[in-house]
Each structure stands twice: as C-alpha cells, then as structure tokens.
N, C-alpha and C. Protein backbone atom coordinates (compact mmCIF):
# COMPACT_ATOMS: atom_id res chain seq x y z
N UNK A 1 1.90 -5.95 14.41
CA UNK A 1 1.43 -6.97 13.68
C UNK A 1 2.38 -8.21 13.07
N UNK A 2 1.50 -9.35 12.92
CA UNK A 2 2.43 -10.42 12.73
C UNK A 2 2.89 -10.48 11.68
N UNK A 3 4.13 -11.43 11.41
CA UNK A 3 4.98 -11.20 10.06
C UNK A 3 3.87 -11.85 9.26
N UNK A 4 3.38 -12.87 9.39
CA UNK A 4 2.47 -13.61 8.16
C UNK A 4 1.53 -12.50 7.78
N UNK A 5 0.95 -11.90 8.46
CA UNK A 5 -0.11 -10.74 8.11
C UNK A 5 0.42 -9.47 7.18
N UNK A 6 1.72 -9.33 7.80
CA UNK A 6 2.69 -8.32 7.24
C UNK A 6 2.81 -8.69 5.35
N UNK A 7 3.31 -10.07 5.68
CA UNK A 7 3.85 -10.49 4.33
C UNK A 7 2.76 -10.51 3.60
N UNK A 8 1.43 -11.00 3.97
CA UNK A 8 0.37 -10.59 2.86
C UNK A 8 -0.23 -9.65 2.45
N UNK A 9 0.16 -8.46 3.33
CA UNK A 9 -0.27 -7.22 2.73
C UNK A 9 1.00 -6.72 1.88
N UNK A 10 1.98 -7.06 1.99
CA UNK A 10 3.38 -6.86 0.78
C UNK A 10 3.01 -7.61 -0.21
N UNK A 11 2.34 -8.30 -0.36
CA UNK A 11 2.06 -9.17 -1.66
C UNK A 11 1.03 -8.45 -2.39
N UNK A 12 -0.11 -8.31 -1.40
CA UNK A 12 -1.22 -7.59 -2.02
C UNK A 12 -0.75 -6.14 -2.57
N UNK A 13 0.09 -5.50 -1.73
CA UNK A 13 0.62 -4.30 -2.08
C UNK A 13 1.28 -4.26 -3.58
N UNK A 14 2.38 -5.49 -3.50
CA UNK A 14 3.32 -5.34 -4.56
C UNK A 14 2.42 -5.72 -5.74
N UNK A 15 1.29 -6.54 -5.82
CA UNK A 15 0.50 -6.83 -6.69
C UNK A 15 -0.50 -5.78 -7.38
N UNK A 16 -0.36 -4.71 -6.52
CA UNK A 16 -1.33 -3.67 -6.88
C UNK A 16 -2.89 -4.06 -6.68
N UNK A 17 -3.42 -4.89 -5.61
CA UNK A 17 -4.85 -5.40 -5.55
C UNK A 17 -4.95 -4.50 -4.39
N UNK A 18 -6.45 -4.10 -4.23
CA UNK A 18 -6.98 -3.07 -2.99
C UNK A 18 -7.51 -4.10 -2.22
N UNK A 19 -7.22 -3.57 -0.76
CA UNK A 19 -8.56 -4.45 0.10
C UNK A 19 -9.57 -4.94 -0.36
N UNK A 20 -10.47 -3.91 -1.20
CA UNK A 20 -11.72 -4.12 -1.68
C UNK A 20 -12.05 -5.48 -2.11
N UNK A 21 -10.88 -5.27 -3.53
CA UNK A 21 -10.68 -6.53 -4.41
C UNK A 21 -10.59 -7.98 -3.41
N UNK A 22 -9.65 -7.80 -2.40
CA UNK A 22 -9.34 -9.43 -1.57
C UNK A 22 -10.54 -9.47 -0.75
N UNK A 23 -11.42 -8.44 -0.46
CA UNK A 23 -12.66 -8.63 0.54
C UNK A 23 -13.55 -9.60 -0.60
N UNK A 24 -13.54 -9.01 -1.61
CA UNK A 24 -14.72 -9.90 -2.73
C UNK A 24 -14.10 -11.07 -2.77
N UNK A 25 -12.74 -11.38 -3.40
CA UNK A 25 -12.13 -12.73 -3.58
C UNK A 25 -12.85 -13.49 -2.50
N UNK A 26 -12.65 -13.38 -1.20
CA UNK A 26 -13.22 -14.03 -0.14
C UNK A 26 -14.49 -13.95 0.42
N UNK A 27 -15.42 -13.13 -0.22
CA UNK A 27 -16.83 -13.30 0.04
C UNK A 27 -17.26 -12.40 0.99
N UNK A 28 -16.33 -11.36 1.53
CA UNK A 28 -16.84 -10.28 2.47
C UNK A 28 -17.78 -9.43 1.66
N UNK A 29 -18.28 -8.35 2.15
CA UNK A 29 -19.24 -7.50 1.82
C UNK A 29 -18.35 -6.17 2.29
N UNK A 30 -17.55 -6.23 2.98
CA UNK A 30 -16.86 -4.56 3.18
C UNK A 30 -15.50 -4.90 3.35
N UNK A 31 -15.02 -4.23 2.71
CA UNK A 31 -13.14 -4.23 2.69
C UNK A 31 -12.60 -4.22 4.30
N UNK A 32 -13.26 -3.79 5.27
CA UNK A 32 -13.10 -3.72 6.95
C UNK A 32 -12.82 -5.52 7.16
N UNK A 33 -13.68 -6.27 6.51
CA UNK A 33 -13.51 -7.48 7.23
C UNK A 33 -12.27 -7.99 6.67
N UNK A 34 -11.79 -7.83 5.19
CA UNK A 34 -10.63 -8.23 5.07
C UNK A 34 -9.39 -7.38 5.77
N UNK A 35 -9.66 -6.17 6.20
CA UNK A 35 -8.54 -5.40 6.87
C UNK A 35 -8.18 -5.86 8.16
N UNK A 36 -9.31 -6.39 8.50
CA UNK A 36 -8.86 -7.20 9.73
C UNK A 36 -8.28 -8.50 9.73
N UNK A 37 -8.22 -9.40 8.78
CA UNK A 37 -7.14 -10.29 8.16
C UNK A 37 -5.96 -9.77 8.53
N UNK A 38 -5.59 -8.60 7.57
CA UNK A 38 -4.13 -8.34 7.28
C UNK A 38 -3.58 -7.61 9.04
N UNK A 39 -4.67 -7.26 9.66
CA UNK A 39 -4.20 -6.78 11.22
C UNK A 39 -3.91 -7.69 11.77
N UNK A 40 -4.31 -9.17 11.90
CA UNK A 40 -4.36 -10.31 12.45
C UNK A 40 -5.46 -10.53 13.38
N UNK A 41 -6.45 -9.38 13.37
CA UNK A 41 -7.72 -9.49 14.00
C UNK A 41 -8.41 -10.61 13.97
N UNK A 42 -8.54 -11.28 12.51
CA UNK A 42 -9.00 -12.27 12.15
C UNK A 42 -8.14 -13.53 11.86
N UNK A 43 -8.62 -14.77 12.06
CA UNK A 43 -7.56 -15.99 11.75
C UNK A 43 -8.02 -15.98 10.06
N UNK A 44 -6.90 -16.32 9.25
CA UNK A 44 -7.34 -16.86 8.34
C UNK A 44 -7.71 -18.50 7.83
N UNK A 45 -8.83 -18.80 7.42
CA UNK A 45 -9.09 -20.30 7.33
C UNK A 45 -8.25 -20.75 6.24
N UNK A 46 -8.05 -22.06 6.15
CA UNK A 46 -7.32 -22.90 5.34
C UNK A 46 -8.16 -22.64 3.88
N UNK A 47 -9.40 -22.44 3.70
CA UNK A 47 -10.07 -22.10 2.74
C UNK A 47 -9.72 -20.77 1.97
N UNK A 48 -9.63 -20.06 2.93
CA UNK A 48 -9.16 -18.71 2.58
C UNK A 48 -8.01 -18.36 1.83
N UNK A 49 -7.18 -19.05 2.98
CA UNK A 49 -5.70 -19.23 2.39
C UNK A 49 -5.54 -20.20 0.82
N UNK A 50 -5.93 -20.52 0.56
CA UNK A 50 -6.21 -21.40 -0.45
C UNK A 50 -6.66 -20.49 -1.68
N UNK A 51 -7.90 -19.79 -1.46
CA UNK A 51 -8.11 -18.37 -2.42
C UNK A 51 -7.17 -17.59 -2.58
N UNK A 52 -6.17 -17.40 -1.28
CA UNK A 52 -5.52 -16.40 -1.91
C UNK A 52 -4.03 -16.68 -2.54
N UNK A 53 -3.82 -17.79 -2.19
CA UNK A 53 -2.68 -18.67 -2.70
C UNK A 53 -3.09 -18.77 -4.47
N UNK A 54 -4.27 -19.27 -4.51
CA UNK A 54 -4.68 -19.53 -6.07
C UNK A 54 -4.69 -17.99 -6.85
N UNK A 55 -5.29 -16.93 -6.20
CA UNK A 55 -5.39 -15.68 -6.86
C UNK A 55 -3.98 -15.26 -7.04
N UNK A 56 -2.80 -15.19 -6.04
CA UNK A 56 -1.49 -14.72 -6.56
C UNK A 56 -0.74 -15.83 -7.19
N UNK A 57 -1.32 -16.98 -7.35
CA UNK A 57 -0.48 -17.83 -8.13
C UNK A 57 0.84 -18.33 -7.40
N UNK A 58 0.40 -18.40 -6.02
CA UNK A 58 1.64 -19.14 -5.22
C UNK A 58 1.35 -19.96 -4.29
N UNK A 59 2.10 -20.76 -3.79
CA UNK A 59 1.89 -21.72 -2.74
C UNK A 59 1.56 -21.39 -1.44
N UNK A 60 0.75 -21.60 -0.80
CA UNK A 60 0.58 -21.22 0.46
C UNK A 60 1.70 -20.97 1.40
N UNK A 61 2.32 -21.93 1.12
CA UNK A 61 3.80 -21.95 2.43
C UNK A 61 4.51 -21.02 1.89
N UNK A 62 4.62 -20.21 0.73
CA UNK A 62 5.37 -19.08 0.15
C UNK A 62 4.49 -17.60 0.85
N UNK A 63 3.27 -17.90 0.99
CA UNK A 63 2.78 -16.97 1.44
C UNK A 63 2.66 -16.68 2.92
N UNK A 64 2.13 -17.79 3.80
CA UNK A 64 1.92 -17.91 5.12
C UNK A 64 3.31 -18.37 5.85
N UNK A 65 4.27 -18.96 5.34
CA UNK A 65 5.35 -19.48 6.01
C UNK A 65 6.62 -19.21 5.59
N UNK A 66 6.79 -18.50 4.80
CA UNK A 66 7.90 -18.14 4.14
C UNK A 66 8.26 -16.72 4.47
N UNK A 67 8.51 -16.15 5.81
CA UNK A 67 8.57 -14.39 6.10
C UNK A 67 10.30 -14.13 6.01
C-alpha cells in the first residue's frame, strides 16, 4: 500500500471514523468505493482531497504529503 493511502487510513482510524462515513462524505453509495481509495486502487481527486482535509480540519499537505 502506498504511504499516502496508509497515512489517510491512520488518520481516519485515529479519529474513529468508519469507511462508511468517509464514503458518504465523498458521495459514494458503498464503503467499498472508499476502500479502493485507501488501497490505492483509485486516485483521489483534488476535490476529494479538499473534502477530506476540511472534514479532518487539516491541511491537504498534512494528509497527503507529510508521511
């Protein structure tokens, strides 16, 4: 797994957020779609990165560039 995606998963788990909740935040109908992001099977768009950073109240750089 890519370090970027591992870091995202760690942040999500640290905040006790489920994949279902993240899927809903990003507009996916199923958690499996979000799970593919964490596995690196799907690329994260800039819009999704912004939603994730806003949700966790972190800068995009902190989540996706500081491993």
